[in-house]
Amino acid sequence: MSDDFDFGFTAVDEAPSQPSQPTQPVTAEIPEDFKDGIMQKLYDIESRLLGLDNSTMISEHRDLVSQDVAAKLKDVEDLILPLLLNLKKNPEKEYIHWPNRTAVIDNQIEKIKAVTRYYD
């Protein structure tokens, strides 16, 4: 077994006879030049991050949103066009017989809402 899973405890049959002494926190004085060096590195990183040109990120985000919108529009099209094409069939007939249409239409409405809405 690897030492990566050693959490520092062992199983024993009975409690230790003497309680272990609590350890005192170790305090050390951090040298001022070390603090200054760390702070300078943080300022350097911050200035590089703030100086970045965000146009690349914005462009990538715009592309992802456009792809998502295009996919959703295709999904909605796939849900609506079959209905319209079926209604268009047999234009010479004046009437359409559509029993139980409420359940069918409600089901299709729910499918469309599932694609177009982010909430609900």
C-alpha atoms as a PDB file:
ATOM      1  CA  MET A   1       0.000   0.000   0.000  1.00  0.00           C
ATOM      2  CA  SER A   2       1.243   3.475  -0.809  1.00  0.00           C
ATOM      3  CA  ASP A   3       2.236   5.966   1.886  1.00  0.00           C
ATOM      4  CA  ASP A   4      -0.164   8.463   0.246  1.00  0.00           C
ATOM      5  CA  PHE A   5      -2.962   7.028   2.390  1.00  0.00           C
ATOM      6  CA  ASP A   6      -1.147   7.289   5.742  1.00  0.00           C
ATOM      7  CA  PHE A   7      -3.167   9.777   7.763  1.00  0.00           C
ATOM      8  CA  GLY A   8      -1.071   9.420  10.914  1.00  0.00           C
ATOM      9  CA  PHE A   9      -3.351   7.217  13.027  1.00  0.00           C
ATOM     10  CA  THR A  10      -3.215   3.574  14.056  1.00  0.00           C
ATOM     11  CA  ALA A  11      -5.765   1.196  15.520  1.00  0.00           C
ATOM     12  CA  VAL A  12      -5.115   0.107  19.137  1.00  0.00           C
ATOM     13  CA  ASP A  13      -6.869  -2.205  21.575  1.00  0.00           C
ATOM     14  CA  GLU A  14      -6.994   0.292  24.444  1.00  0.00           C
ATOM     15  CA  ALA A  15      -6.533   3.969  25.129  1.00  0.00           C
ATOM     16  CA  PRO A  16      -2.979   5.220  25.740  1.00  0.00           C
ATOM     17  CA  SER A  17      -1.995   5.418  29.392  1.00  0.00           C
ATOM     18  CA  GLN A  18      -0.936   9.061  29.192  1.00  0.00           C
ATOM     19  CA  PRO A  19      -2.714  11.650  27.145  1.00  0.00           C
ATOM     20  CA  SER A  20      -0.539  13.128  24.470  1.00  0.00           C
ATOM     21  CA  GLN A  21       0.714  16.655  25.010  1.00  0.00           C
ATOM     22  CA  PRO A  22      -0.927  19.268  22.816  1.00  0.00           C
ATOM     23  CA  THR A  23       1.498  20.718  20.353  1.00  0.00           C
ATOM     24  CA  GLN A  24       2.255  24.403  20.431  1.00  0.00           C
ATOM     25  CA  PRO A  25       1.759  26.304  17.217  1.00  0.00           C
ATOM     26  CA  VAL A  26       5.006  27.108  15.495  1.00  0.00           C
ATOM     27  CA  THR A  27       5.496  30.765  14.895  1.00  0.00           C
ATOM     28  CA  ALA A  28       8.238  32.178  12.782  1.00  0.00           C
ATOM     29  CA  GLU A  29       9.115  35.665  11.821  1.00  0.00           C
ATOM     30  CA  ILE A  30       8.903  36.149   8.063  1.00  0.00           C
ATOM     31  CA  PRO A  31      11.755  38.295   6.802  1.00  0.00           C
ATOM     32  CA  GLU A  32      10.665  41.636   5.393  1.00  0.00           C
ATOM     33  CA  ASP A  33      12.551  41.148   2.103  1.00  0.00           C
ATOM     34  CA  PHE A  34      10.671  37.848   1.586  1.00  0.00           C
ATOM     35  CA  LYS A  35       7.344  39.616   2.138  1.00  0.00           C
ATOM     36  CA  ASP A  36       8.378  42.363  -0.278  1.00  0.00           C
ATOM     37  CA  GLY A  37       9.365  39.792  -2.921  1.00  0.00           C
ATOM     38  CA  ILE A  38       6.045  37.969  -2.618  1.00  0.00           C
ATOM     39  CA  MET A  39       4.088  41.212  -2.796  1.00  0.00           C
ATOM     40  CA  GLN A  40       6.047  42.306  -5.884  1.00  0.00           C
ATOM     41  CA  LYS A  41       5.268  38.999  -7.602  1.00  0.00           C
ATOM     42  CA  LEU A  42       1.570  39.426  -6.763  1.00  0.00           C
ATOM     43  CA  TYR A  43       1.568  42.953  -8.191  1.00  0.00           C
ATOM     44  CA  ASP A  44       3.326  41.708 -11.340  1.00  0.00           C
ATOM     45  CA  ILE A  45       0.753  38.954 -11.830  1.00  0.00           C
ATOM     46  CA  GLU A  46      -2.106  41.362 -11.178  1.00  0.00           C
ATOM     47  CA  SER A  47      -0.817  43.911 -13.685  1.00  0.00           C
ATOM     48  CA  ARG A  48      -0.338  41.194 -16.335  1.00  0.00           C
ATOM     49  CA  LEU A  49      -3.879  39.924 -15.771  1.00  0.00           C
ATOM     50  CA  LEU A  50      -5.405  43.387 -15.869  1.00  0.00           C
ATOM     51  CA  GLY A  51      -3.413  44.240 -18.970  1.00  0.00           C
ATOM     52  CA  LEU A  52      -4.671  41.250 -20.962  1.00  0.00           C
ATOM     53  CA  ASP A  53      -6.652  41.914 -24.088  1.00  0.00           C
ATOM     54  CA  ASN A  54     -10.107  40.506 -23.409  1.00  0.00           C
ATOM     55  CA  SER A  55     -11.160  40.623 -27.053  1.00  0.00           C
ATOM     56  CA  THR A  56     -10.028  37.021 -27.601  1.00  0.00           C
ATOM     57  CA  MET A  57     -12.108  35.776 -24.664  1.00  0.00           C
ATOM     58  CA  ILE A  58     -15.081  37.840 -25.805  1.00  0.00           C
ATOM     59  CA  SER A  59     -14.774  36.503 -29.335  1.00  0.00           C
ATOM     60  CA  GLU A  60     -14.572  32.904 -28.103  1.00  0.00           C
ATOM     61  CA  HIS A  61     -17.601  33.469 -25.870  1.00  0.00           C
ATOM     62  CA  ARG A  62     -19.538  34.989 -28.767  1.00  0.00           C
ATOM     63  CA  ASP A  63     -18.679  31.971 -30.952  1.00  0.00           C
ATOM     64  CA  LEU A  64     -19.835  29.534 -28.251  1.00  0.00           C
ATOM     65  CA  VAL A  65     -23.106  31.414 -27.754  1.00  0.00           C
ATOM     66  CA  SER A  66     -23.677  31.494 -31.525  1.00  0.00           C
ATOM     67  CA  GLN A  67     -23.086  27.739 -31.752  1.00  0.00           C
ATOM     68  CA  ASP A  68     -25.491  27.135 -28.862  1.00  0.00           C
ATOM     69  CA  VAL A  69     -28.177  29.330 -30.414  1.00  0.00           C
ATOM     70  CA  ALA A  70     -27.746  27.647 -33.804  1.00  0.00           C
ATOM     71  CA  ALA A  71     -28.086  24.197 -32.225  1.00  0.00           C
ATOM     72  CA  LYS A  72     -31.209  25.222 -30.317  1.00  0.00           C
ATOM     73  CA  LEU A  73     -32.782  26.736 -33.430  1.00  0.00           C
ATOM     74  CA  LYS A  74     -32.099  23.497 -35.306  1.00  0.00           C
ATOM     75  CA  ASP A  75     -33.737  21.535 -32.478  1.00  0.00           C
ATOM     76  CA  VAL A  76     -36.821  23.785 -32.574  1.00  0.00           C
ATOM     77  CA  GLU A  77     -36.935  23.498 -36.352  1.00  0.00           C
ATOM     78  CA  ASP A  78     -36.871  19.700 -36.025  1.00  0.00           C
ATOM     79  CA  LEU A  79     -39.844  19.916 -33.661  1.00  0.00           C
ATOM     80  CA  ILE A  80     -41.970  22.311 -35.733  1.00  0.00           C
ATOM     81  CA  LEU A  81     -41.298  21.400 -39.364  1.00  0.00           C
ATOM     82  CA  PRO A  82     -42.717  17.855 -39.211  1.00  0.00           C
ATOM     83  CA  LEU A  83     -45.999  19.279 -37.902  1.00  0.00           C
ATOM     84  CA  LEU A  84     -46.178  21.897 -40.645  1.00  0.00           C
ATOM     85  CA  LEU A  85     -45.228  19.415 -43.372  1.00  0.00           C
ATOM     86  CA  ASN A  86     -47.936  17.009 -42.193  1.00  0.00           C
ATOM     87  CA  LEU A  87     -50.504  19.821 -42.202  1.00  0.00           C
ATOM     88  CA  LYS A  88     -49.427  20.722 -45.736  1.00  0.00           C
ATOM     89  CA  LYS A  89     -50.029  17.207 -47.087  1.00  0.00           C
ATOM     90  CA  ASN A  90     -53.062  16.674 -49.320  1.00  0.00           C
ATOM     91  CA  PRO A  91     -53.854  20.342 -50.021  1.00  0.00           C
ATOM     92  CA  GLU A  92     -56.788  19.290 -52.177  1.00  0.00           C
ATOM     93  CA  LYS A  93     -58.667  18.179 -49.081  1.00  0.00           C
ATOM     94  CA  GLU A  94     -60.462  20.954 -47.307  1.00  0.00           C
ATOM     95  CA  TYR A  95     -60.699  19.427 -43.829  1.00  0.00           C
ATOM     96  CA  ILE A  96     -58.188  17.873 -41.458  1.00  0.00           C
ATOM     97  CA  HIS A  97     -59.314  15.099 -39.148  1.00  0.00           C
ATOM     98  CA  TRP A  98     -57.178  15.305 -36.000  1.00  0.00           C
ATOM     99  CA  PRO A  99     -58.563  13.365 -33.047  1.00  0.00           C
ATOM    100  CA  ASN A 100     -56.785  13.665 -29.669  1.00  0.00           C
ATOM    101  CA  ARG A 101     -54.871  16.677 -30.894  1.00  0.00           C
ATOM    102  CA  THR A 102     -54.776  18.359 -27.485  1.00  0.00           C
ATOM    103  CA  ALA A 103     -52.478  15.700 -26.019  1.00  0.00           C
ATOM    104  CA  VAL A 104     -50.282  15.643 -29.133  1.00  0.00           C
ATOM    105  CA  ILE A 105     -49.977  19.438 -29.253  1.00  0.00           C
ATOM    106  CA  ASP A 106     -49.329  19.706 -25.502  1.00  0.00           C
ATOM    107  CA  ASN A 107     -46.557  17.125 -25.817  1.00  0.00           C
ATOM    108  CA  GLN A 108     -44.960  19.062 -28.676  1.00  0.00           C
ATOM    109  CA  ILE A 109     -45.251  22.329 -26.745  1.00  0.00           C
ATOM    110  CA  GLU A 110     -43.400  20.762 -23.815  1.00  0.00           C
ATOM    111  CA  LYS A 111     -40.634  19.539 -26.139  1.00  0.00           C
ATOM    112  CA  ILE A 112     -40.245  23.027 -27.610  1.00  0.00           C
ATOM    113  CA  LYS A 113     -40.188  24.653 -24.163  1.00  0.00           C
ATOM    114  CA  ALA A 114     -37.513  22.177 -23.068  1.00  0.00           C
ATOM    115  CA  VAL A 115     -35.283  23.439 -25.871  1.00  0.00           C
ATOM    116  CA  THR A 116     -36.029  27.151 -25.653  1.00  0.00           C
ATOM    117  CA  ARG A 117     -36.239  27.818 -21.930  1.00  0.00           C
ATOM    118  CA  TYR A 118     -33.397  27.789 -19.419  1.00  0.00           C
ATOM    119  CA  TYR A 119     -35.755  27.840 -16.462  1.00  0.00           C
ATOM    120  CA  ASP A 120     -38.956  26.070 -15.361  1.00  0.00           C
END
